[in-house]
C-alpha atoms as a PDB file:
ATOM      1  CA  MET A   1      34.372  62.960   1.232  1.00  0.00           C
ATOM      2  CA  SER A   2      31.083  61.127   0.978  1.00  0.00           C
ATOM      3  CA  ALA A   3      30.305  58.347  -1.458  1.00  0.00           C
ATOM      4  CA  ALA A   4      28.007  60.667  -3.370  1.00  0.00           C
ATOM      5  CA  HIS A   5      30.906  62.936  -4.264  1.00  0.00           C
ATOM      6  CA  ASN A   6      33.953  60.644  -4.342  1.00  0.00           C
ATOM      7  CA  PRO A   7      34.810  59.763  -7.949  1.00  0.00           C
ATOM      8  CA  ASN A   8      36.797  56.753  -6.783  1.00  0.00           C
ATOM      9  CA  LEU A   9      33.776  55.038  -5.264  1.00  0.00           C
ATOM     10  CA  LYS A  10      31.078  53.213  -7.210  1.00  0.00           C
ATOM     11  CA  LEU A  11      27.715  54.759  -6.467  1.00  0.00           C
ATOM     12  CA  THR A  12      24.478  52.927  -5.864  1.00  0.00           C
ATOM     13  CA  LEU A  13      21.994  54.985  -7.822  1.00  0.00           C
ATOM     14  CA  PRO A  14      19.494  56.453  -7.493  1.00  0.00           C
ATOM     15  CA  MET A  15      20.724  58.121  -4.301  1.00  0.00           C
ATOM     16  CA  HIS A  16      18.696  60.544  -2.181  1.00  0.00           C
ATOM     17  CA  VAL A  17      21.112  63.494  -1.892  1.00  0.00           C
ATOM     18  CA  ALA A  18      18.939  66.497  -1.029  1.00  0.00           C
ATOM     19  CA  ASN A  19      15.483  67.946  -0.574  1.00  0.00           C
ATOM     20  CA  LEU A  20      14.020  70.701  -2.713  1.00  0.00           C
ATOM     21  CA  VAL A  21      13.198  73.516  -0.305  1.00  0.00           C
ATOM     22  CA  CYS A  22      12.060  76.222  -2.732  1.00  0.00           C
ATOM     23  CA  VAL A  23      10.990  76.635  -6.363  1.00  0.00           C
ATOM     24  CA  ARG A  24      11.123  80.132  -7.847  1.00  0.00           C
ATOM     25  CA  ALA A  25      10.071  81.869 -11.046  1.00  0.00           C
ATOM     26  CA  GLY A  26      10.207  85.439 -12.268  1.00  0.00           C
ATOM     27  CA  LYS A  27       8.419  87.824 -14.598  1.00  0.00           C
ATOM     28  CA  ALA A  28      10.159  90.238 -16.958  1.00  0.00           C
ATOM     29  CA  MET A  29       9.982  93.579 -15.188  1.00  0.00           C
ATOM     30  CA  PRO A  30      11.499  97.047 -15.695  1.00  0.00           C
ATOM     31  CA  PHE A  31      15.119  96.861 -14.559  1.00  0.00           C
ATOM     32  CA  THR A  32      18.180  99.093 -14.779  1.00  0.00           C
ATOM     33  CA  ARG A  33      19.603 100.726 -17.950  1.00  0.00           C
ATOM     34  CA  GLU A  34      16.058 100.970 -19.353  1.00  0.00           C
ATOM     35  CA  GLU A  35      15.957  97.212 -19.750  1.00  0.00           C
ATOM     36  CA  LEU A  36      13.704  94.381 -18.642  1.00  0.00           C
ATOM     37  CA  SER A  37      14.844  91.472 -16.487  1.00  0.00           C
ATOM     38  CA  ALA A  38      13.373  88.482 -14.668  1.00  0.00           C
ATOM     39  CA  ILE A  39      16.420  87.952 -12.440  1.00  0.00           C
ATOM     40  CA  ASP A  40      14.353  88.504  -9.300  1.00  0.00           C
ATOM     41  CA  LYS A  41      12.734  85.121  -8.670  1.00  0.00           C
ATOM     42  CA  ARG A  42       9.811  84.688  -6.266  1.00  0.00           C
ATOM     43  CA  PRO A  43       8.763  81.474  -4.469  1.00  0.00           C
ATOM     44  CA  ILE A  44       6.016  79.408  -6.073  1.00  0.00           C
ATOM     45  CA  ASP A  45       3.583  77.841  -3.605  1.00  0.00           C
ATOM     46  CA  ALA A  46       1.803  75.436  -5.971  1.00  0.00           C
ATOM     47  CA  PRO A  47       3.249  72.682  -8.205  1.00  0.00           C
ATOM     48  CA  VAL A  48       4.536  74.019 -11.528  1.00  0.00           C
ATOM     49  CA  ALA A  49       5.057  72.235 -14.837  1.00  0.00           C
ATOM     50  CA  VAL A  50       8.545  71.905 -16.323  1.00  0.00           C
ATOM     51  CA  ASN A  51       9.134  71.294 -20.025  1.00  0.00           C
ATOM     52  CA  PHE A  52      12.179  71.489 -22.294  1.00  0.00           C
ATOM     53  CA  MET A  53      12.258  75.297 -21.948  1.00  0.00           C
ATOM     54  CA  GLY A  54      12.086  75.273 -18.150  1.00  0.00           C
ATOM     55  CA  LEU A  55       9.421  76.224 -15.627  1.00  0.00           C
ATOM     56  CA  THR A  56       6.301  77.199 -17.530  1.00  0.00           C
ATOM     57  CA  THR A  57       5.683  80.178 -15.226  1.00  0.00           C
ATOM     58  CA  ASP A  58       9.250  81.492 -15.508  1.00  0.00           C
ATOM     59  CA  GLU A  59      10.315  84.228 -17.925  1.00  0.00           C
ATOM     60  CA  GLN A  60      13.578  85.534 -19.378  1.00  0.00           C
ATOM     61  CA  ALA A  61      13.718  89.053 -20.755  1.00  0.00           C
ATOM     62  CA  ASP A  62      16.955  88.536 -22.696  1.00  0.00           C
ATOM     63  CA  ARG A  63      16.421  85.379 -24.732  1.00  0.00           C
ATOM     64  CA  LYS A  64      19.815  85.728 -26.423  1.00  0.00           C
ATOM     65  CA  HIS A  65      21.756  85.143 -23.207  1.00  0.00           C
ATOM     66  CA  HIS A  66      19.224  83.492 -20.897  1.00  0.00           C
ATOM     67  CA  GLY A  67      16.793  80.615 -21.138  1.00  0.00           C
ATOM     68  CA  GLY A  68      16.459  78.005 -23.843  1.00  0.00           C
ATOM     69  CA  PRO A  69      16.915  74.212 -23.743  1.00  0.00           C
ATOM     70  CA  LEU A  70      20.534  74.385 -22.516  1.00  0.00           C
ATOM     71  CA  LYS A  71      19.695  76.958 -19.845  1.00  0.00           C
ATOM     72  CA  ALA A  72      16.259  75.680 -18.988  1.00  0.00           C
ATOM     73  CA  VAL A  73      16.517  75.635 -15.183  1.00  0.00           C
ATOM     74  CA  HIS A  74      19.027  77.367 -12.922  1.00  0.00           C
ATOM     75  CA  GLN A  75      20.149  76.130  -9.517  1.00  0.00           C
ATOM     76  CA  LEU A  76      22.386  78.030  -7.114  1.00  0.00           C
ATOM     77  CA  ALA A  77      23.795  76.884  -3.800  1.00  0.00           C
ATOM     78  CA  PRO A  78      22.509  79.020  -0.885  1.00  0.00           C
ATOM     79  CA  ALA A  79      26.133  79.191   0.299  1.00  0.00           C
ATOM     80  CA  THR A  80      26.755  81.678  -2.532  1.00  0.00           C
ATOM     81  CA  TYR A  81      24.687  84.230  -0.659  1.00  0.00           C
ATOM     82  CA  ASP A  82      26.524  83.501   2.584  1.00  0.00           C
ATOM     83  CA  LYS A  83      29.833  84.136   0.810  1.00  0.00           C
ATOM     84  CA  ILE A  84      28.671  87.349  -0.864  1.00  0.00           C
ATOM     85  CA  ASN A  85      27.207  88.717   2.339  1.00  0.00           C
ATOM     86  CA  ALA A  86      30.306  87.838   4.366  1.00  0.00           C
ATOM     87  CA  GLU A  87      32.695  89.296   1.774  1.00  0.00           C
ATOM     88  CA  PHE A  88      30.874  92.588   1.205  1.00  0.00           C
ATOM     89  CA  GLY A  89      28.931  93.066   4.431  1.00  0.00           C
ATOM     90  CA  LEU A  90      25.561  92.744   2.696  1.00  0.00           C
ATOM     91  CA  ARG A  91      22.217  91.074   3.331  1.00  0.00           C
ATOM     92  CA  VAL A  92      21.363  89.732  -0.110  1.00  0.00           C
ATOM     93  CA  ASP A  93      18.446  87.310   0.088  1.00  0.00           C
ATOM     94  CA  VAL A  94      18.204  83.882  -1.541  1.00  0.00           C
ATOM     95  CA  GLY A  95      16.388  84.235  -4.878  1.00  0.00           C
ATOM     96  CA  THR A  96      17.929  87.598  -5.739  1.00  0.00           C
ATOM     97  CA  LEU A  97      20.330  86.195  -8.335  1.00  0.00           C
ATOM     98  CA  GLY A  98      17.904  84.378 -10.580  1.00  0.00           C
ATOM     99  CA  GLU A  99      17.900  80.773  -9.434  1.00  0.00           C
ATOM    100  CA  ASN A 100      14.858  78.543  -9.882  1.00  0.00           C
ATOM    101  CA  LEU A 101      15.760  75.784  -7.416  1.00  0.00           C
ATOM    102  CA  THR A 102      17.129  75.763  -3.877  1.00  0.00           C
ATOM    103  CA  THR A 103      18.032  72.509  -2.111  1.00  0.00           C
ATOM    104  CA  GLU A 104      19.402  71.353   1.215  1.00  0.00           C
ATOM    105  CA  ALA A 105      21.451  68.227   1.825  1.00  0.00           C
ATOM    106  CA  VAL A 106      20.183  65.136   3.637  1.00  0.00           C
ATOM    107  CA  ASN A 107      21.688  62.125   5.387  1.00  0.00           C
ATOM    108  CA  GLY A 108      24.900  63.924   6.276  1.00  0.00           C
ATOM    109  CA  LEU A 109      25.838  64.427   2.609  1.00  0.00           C
ATOM    110  CA  PRO A 110      27.471  67.621   1.319  1.00  0.00           C
ATOM    111  CA  GLU A 111      25.290  70.330  -0.138  1.00  0.00           C
ATOM    112  CA  MET A 112      24.840  70.514  -3.897  1.00  0.00           C
ATOM    113  CA  THR A 113      27.540  73.014  -4.890  1.00  0.00           C
ATOM    114  CA  GLU A 114      29.967  73.555  -7.744  1.00  0.00           C
ATOM    115  CA  ALA A 115      32.432  71.348  -5.875  1.00  0.00           C
ATOM    116  CA  THR A 116      30.053  68.397  -5.501  1.00  0.00           C
ATOM    117  CA  VAL A 117      28.056  68.229  -8.735  1.00  0.00           C
ATOM    118  CA  CYS A 118      29.358  67.227 -12.174  1.00  0.00           C
ATOM    119  CA  ILE A 119      28.632  67.942 -15.800  1.00  0.00           C
ATOM    120  CA  GLY A 120      26.325  65.164 -16.998  1.00  0.00           C
ATOM    121  CA  ASP A 121      24.755  64.528 -13.592  1.00  0.00           C
ATOM    122  CA  VAL A 122      21.051  63.775 -13.841  1.00  0.00           C
ATOM    123  CA  PHE A 123      18.931  64.655 -10.836  1.00  0.00           C
ATOM    124  CA  GLN A 124      15.327  63.634 -10.269  1.00  0.00           C
ATOM    125  CA  TYR A 125      13.103  65.994  -8.312  1.00  0.00           C
ATOM    126  CA  GLY A 126      10.382  63.913  -6.680  1.00  0.00           C
ATOM    127  CA  GLU A 127       9.210  60.303  -6.544  1.00  0.00           C
ATOM    128  CA  ASP A 128       7.904  58.401  -9.543  1.00  0.00           C
ATOM    129  CA  LYS A 129       4.211  57.648  -9.070  1.00  0.00           C
ATOM    130  CA  VAL A 130       2.564  54.598 -10.580  1.00  0.00           C
ATOM    131  CA  GLY A 131      -0.182  55.791 -12.905  1.00  0.00           C
ATOM    132  CA  GLY A 132       0.559  59.430 -12.082  1.00  0.00           C
ATOM    133  CA  GLU A 133       2.721  62.316 -13.251  1.00  0.00           C
ATOM    134  CA  ASP A 134       6.397  61.585 -13.823  1.00  0.00           C
ATOM    135  CA  SER A 135       8.983  63.372 -11.721  1.00  0.00           C
ATOM    136  CA  VAL A 136      11.170  65.928 -13.466  1.00  0.00           C
ATOM    137  CA  GLN A 137      14.681  64.823 -14.421  1.00  0.00           C
ATOM    138  CA  LEU A 138      17.330  67.467 -15.106  1.00  0.00           C
ATOM    139  CA  ARG A 139      20.874  67.139 -16.494  1.00  0.00           C
ATOM    140  CA  ILE A 140      23.681  69.586 -15.695  1.00  0.00           C
ATOM    141  CA  VAL A 141      25.155  70.864 -18.964  1.00  0.00           C
ATOM    142  CA  GLN A 142      27.063  74.028 -18.021  1.00  0.00           C
ATOM    143  CA  PRO A 143      27.924  76.504 -15.281  1.00  0.00           C
ATOM    144  CA  ARG A 144      26.281  79.882 -15.234  1.00  0.00           C
ATOM    145  CA  ARG A 145      28.422  82.796 -16.397  1.00  0.00           C
ATOM    146  CA  PRO A 146      27.826  85.811 -14.129  1.00  0.00           C
ATOM    147  CA  CYS A 147      26.906  88.967 -16.035  1.00  0.00           C
ATOM    148  CA  TYR A 148      26.495  92.665 -15.329  1.00  0.00           C
ATOM    149  CA  LYS A 149      22.872  92.126 -14.277  1.00  0.00           C
ATOM    150  CA  ILE A 150      24.143  90.663 -11.019  1.00  0.00           C
ATOM    151  CA  ASN A 151      25.884  93.992 -10.396  1.00  0.00           C
ATOM    152  CA  ASP A 152      22.760  95.924 -11.338  1.00  0.00           C
ATOM    153  CA  GLN A 153      20.525  93.709  -9.215  1.00  0.00           C
ATOM    154  CA  ILE A 154      22.616  94.023  -6.060  1.00  0.00           C
ATOM    155  CA  GLY A 155      23.582  97.590  -6.964  1.00  0.00           C
ATOM    156  CA  GLN A 156      20.002  98.669  -6.424  1.00  0.00           C
ATOM    157  CA  PHE A 157      20.677  98.320  -2.711  1.00  0.00           C
ATOM    158  CA  THR A 158      24.426  98.941  -2.349  1.00  0.00           C
ATOM    159  CA  LYS A 159      27.338 100.727  -3.975  1.00  0.00           C
ATOM    160  CA  VAL A 160      29.630  97.694  -3.867  1.00  0.00           C
ATOM    161  CA  PRO A 161      31.373  97.558  -7.289  1.00  0.00           C
ATOM    162  CA  ASN A 162      31.510  94.565  -9.625  1.00  0.00           C
ATOM    163  CA  ILE A 163      30.233  91.733  -7.471  1.00  0.00           C
ATOM    164  CA  ALA A 164      29.728  89.732 -10.683  1.00  0.00           C
ATOM    165  CA  SER A 165      33.489  89.706 -11.271  1.00  0.00           C
ATOM    166  CA  TRP A 166      34.108  88.495  -7.725  1.00  0.00           C
ATOM    167  CA  VAL A 167      31.478  85.761  -8.069  1.00  0.00           C
ATOM    168  CA  SER A 168      33.069  84.690 -11.350  1.00  0.00           C
ATOM    169  CA  LYS A 169      36.529  84.451  -9.828  1.00  0.00           C
ATOM    170  CA  GLN A 170      35.121  82.354  -6.992  1.00  0.00           C
ATOM    171  CA  GLY A 171      33.287  80.051  -9.434  1.00  0.00           C
ATOM    172  CA  ILE A 172      30.122  80.106  -7.331  1.00  0.00           C
ATOM    173  CA  SER A 173      27.486  81.227  -9.817  1.00  0.00           C
ATOM    174  CA  GLY A 174      25.516  77.971 -10.010  1.00  0.00           C
ATOM    175  CA  TRP A 175      24.646  75.804 -12.984  1.00  0.00           C
ATOM    176  CA  TYR A 176      22.134  75.268 -15.751  1.00  0.00           C
ATOM    177  CA  PHE A 177      20.082  72.158 -16.413  1.00  0.00           C
ATOM    178  CA  GLN A 178      18.774  70.622 -19.590  1.00  0.00           C
ATOM    179  CA  VAL A 179      15.380  68.965 -19.056  1.00  0.00           C
ATOM    180  CA  VAL A 180      15.657  65.199 -19.547  1.00  0.00           C
ATOM    181  CA  ARG A 181      12.074  64.427 -18.576  1.00  0.00           C
ATOM    182  CA  ASP A 182       9.127  66.799 -18.271  1.00  0.00           C
ATOM    183  CA  GLY A 183       7.046  66.798 -15.142  1.00  0.00           C
ATOM    184  CA  MET A 184       5.930  68.826 -12.139  1.00  0.00           C
ATOM    185  CA  VAL A 185       7.985  70.329  -9.319  1.00  0.00           C
ATOM    186  CA  ASN A 186       7.154  71.875  -5.990  1.00  0.00           C
ATOM    187  CA  ALA A 187       8.911  72.530  -2.703  1.00  0.00           C
ATOM    188  CA  ASP A 188       9.565  69.674  -0.264  1.00  0.00           C
ATOM    189  CA  LEU A 189      10.320  67.060  -2.911  1.00  0.00           C
ATOM    190  CA  PRO A 190      13.206  64.611  -2.443  1.00  0.00           C
ATOM    191  CA  VAL A 191      16.110  65.036  -4.881  1.00  0.00           C
ATOM    192  CA  TYR A 192      17.823  61.929  -6.257  1.00  0.00           C
ATOM    193  CA  LEU A 193      21.079  61.622  -8.134  1.00  0.00           C
ATOM    194  CA  VAL A 194      20.150  59.105 -10.819  1.00  0.00           C
ATOM    195  CA  GLU A 195      23.117  59.316 -13.224  1.00  0.00           C
ATOM    196  CA  ARG A 196      26.762  60.346 -12.857  1.00  0.00           C
ATOM    197  CA  PRO A 197      28.549  59.432 -16.093  1.00  0.00           C
ATOM    198  CA  TYR A 198      31.497  61.811 -15.590  1.00  0.00           C
ATOM    199  CA  PRO A 199      32.552  61.787 -11.927  1.00  0.00           C
ATOM    200  CA  PHE A 200      35.752  63.722 -12.742  1.00  0.00           C
ATOM    201  CA  ALA A 201      33.827  66.621 -14.252  1.00  0.00           C
ATOM    202  CA  THR A 202      32.954  68.795 -11.268  1.00  0.00           C
ATOM    203  CA  LEU A 203      31.866  72.322 -12.047  1.00  0.00           C
ATOM    204  CA  GLU A 204      34.597  73.580  -9.761  1.00  0.00           C
ATOM    205  CA  THR A 205      37.246  71.856 -11.897  1.00  0.00           C
ATOM    206  CA  LEU A 206      35.655  73.055 -15.146  1.00  0.00           C
ATOM    207  CA  TRP A 207      35.681  76.622 -13.880  1.00  0.00           C
ATOM    208  CA  GLN A 208      39.332  76.385 -12.837  1.00  0.00           C
ATOM    209  CA  LEU A 209      40.443  74.929 -16.169  1.00  0.00           C
ATOM    210  CA  SER A 210      38.415  77.385 -18.227  1.00  0.00           C
ATOM    211  CA  ASN A 211      39.667  80.449 -16.382  1.00  0.00           C
ATOM    212  CA  SER A 212      43.290  79.396 -15.966  1.00  0.00           C
ATOM    213  CA  LYS A 213      45.977  81.352 -17.792  1.00  0.00           C
ATOM    214  CA  GLU A 214      47.983  78.153 -18.093  1.00  0.00           C
ATOM    215  CA  LYS A 215      47.981  75.532 -20.834  1.00  0.00           C
ATOM    216  CA  PHE A 216      47.430  71.860 -20.047  1.00  0.00           C
ATOM    217  CA  ASP A 217      48.459  68.486 -21.415  1.00  0.00           C
ATOM    218  CA  ALA A 218      45.999  67.032 -23.898  1.00  0.00           C
ATOM    219  CA  GLU A 219      45.203  64.179 -21.523  1.00  0.00           C
ATOM    220  CA  VAL A 220      43.807  66.722 -19.051  1.00  0.00           C
ATOM    221  CA  ILE A 221      41.534  68.491 -21.536  1.00  0.00           C
ATOM    222  CA  GLU A 222      40.460  65.795 -23.977  1.00  0.00           C
ATOM    223  CA  PRO A 223      38.159  63.912 -21.554  1.00  0.00           C
ATOM    224  CA  TRP A 224      36.146  67.114 -21.203  1.00  0.00           C
ATOM    225  CA  LEU A 225      35.854  67.528 -24.966  1.00  0.00           C
ATOM    226  CA  GLU A 226      34.374  64.037 -25.150  1.00  0.00           C
ATOM    227  CA  ILE A 227      31.485  64.908 -22.831  1.00  0.00           C
ATOM    228  CA  GLU A 228      28.592  64.995 -25.280  1.00  0.00           C
ATOM    229  CA  CYS A 229      26.251  67.036 -23.091  1.00  0.00           C
ATOM    230  CA  LEU A 230      28.753  69.784 -22.199  1.00  0.00           C
ATOM    231  CA  GLU A 231      27.557  72.968 -23.893  1.00  0.00           C
ATOM    232  CA  ASP A 232      29.688  73.810 -26.944  1.00  0.00           C
ATOM    233  CA  SER A 233      30.976  77.221 -25.846  1.00  0.00           C
ATOM    234  CA  TRP A 234      32.721  75.588 -22.889  1.00  0.00           C
ATOM    235  CA  LYS A 235      34.341  73.041 -25.177  1.00  0.00           C
ATOM    236  CA  LYS A 236      35.656  75.861 -27.359  1.00  0.00           C
ATOM    237  CA  VAL A 237      37.224  77.517 -24.331  1.00  0.00           C
ATOM    238  CA  LEU A 238      38.783  74.258 -23.149  1.00  0.00           C
ATOM    239  CA  SER A 239      40.134  73.335 -26.580  1.00  0.00           C
ATOM    240  CA  LYS A 240      42.281  76.476 -26.480  1.00  0.00           C
ATOM    241  CA  LYS A 241      43.849  75.345 -23.202  1.00  0.00           C
ATOM    242  CA  VAL A 242      45.757  72.434 -24.782  1.00  0.00           C
ATOM    243  CA  ARG A 243      49.514  72.844 -25.140  1.00  0.00           C
ATOM    244  CA  GLN A 244      50.055  73.059 -28.885  1.00  0.00           C
ATOM    245  CA  ASP A 245      53.694  71.957 -28.697  1.00  0.00           C
ATOM    246  CA  LEU A 246      52.459  68.426 -27.973  1.00  0.00           C
ATOM    247  CA  TYR A 247      51.273  67.984 -31.544  1.00  0.00           C
END
């Protein structure tokens, strides 16, 4: 395990952990079930502004379940597509499942995945420029919960049933960022890990705890409940995982 992803090692931050290889945005378009969706994201060639609601050129058709300050930007590891395609014999392309950002690792470090990023991590996309535009900084605040639109999106091309359920069980649906600092993003920017306040709080672990049928000692769950930036619905799920006979 590299220093960037070993909670027992003190990190020297900021650390260059990846490069941004693609930025994507979508428009609300006619979808299945007589609905609109912007799940199909297309590459953006020019720099795009990012504010507290996300990429200014990006849209969400269902504002109740998508978008907003705590779901401002979505990142998904490209390995998710490799796993889906291998499992179901498909050829689903990167960008199909609604992500805005795609990165690749540098310097021999692991890729940014649910196993290597943590709740509370702040990543900077780009270099700070003296007298110029600030680089965007984004904080991970929650995993993405796969929904039926993943099934409908892939189901346009295949009859494979309930891929969303499989993705959920694997815990490979990516994560949402809150915007810490507005700025501009474009492909080919360096990505820096600038803060890691909760090195224990990997998304992989959060997913396992949240979806477990077991109960846990309070000392396992309580550190998660103390993470200020963790979105509240996840805290509600975790709070129900504590063994009540301990009180």
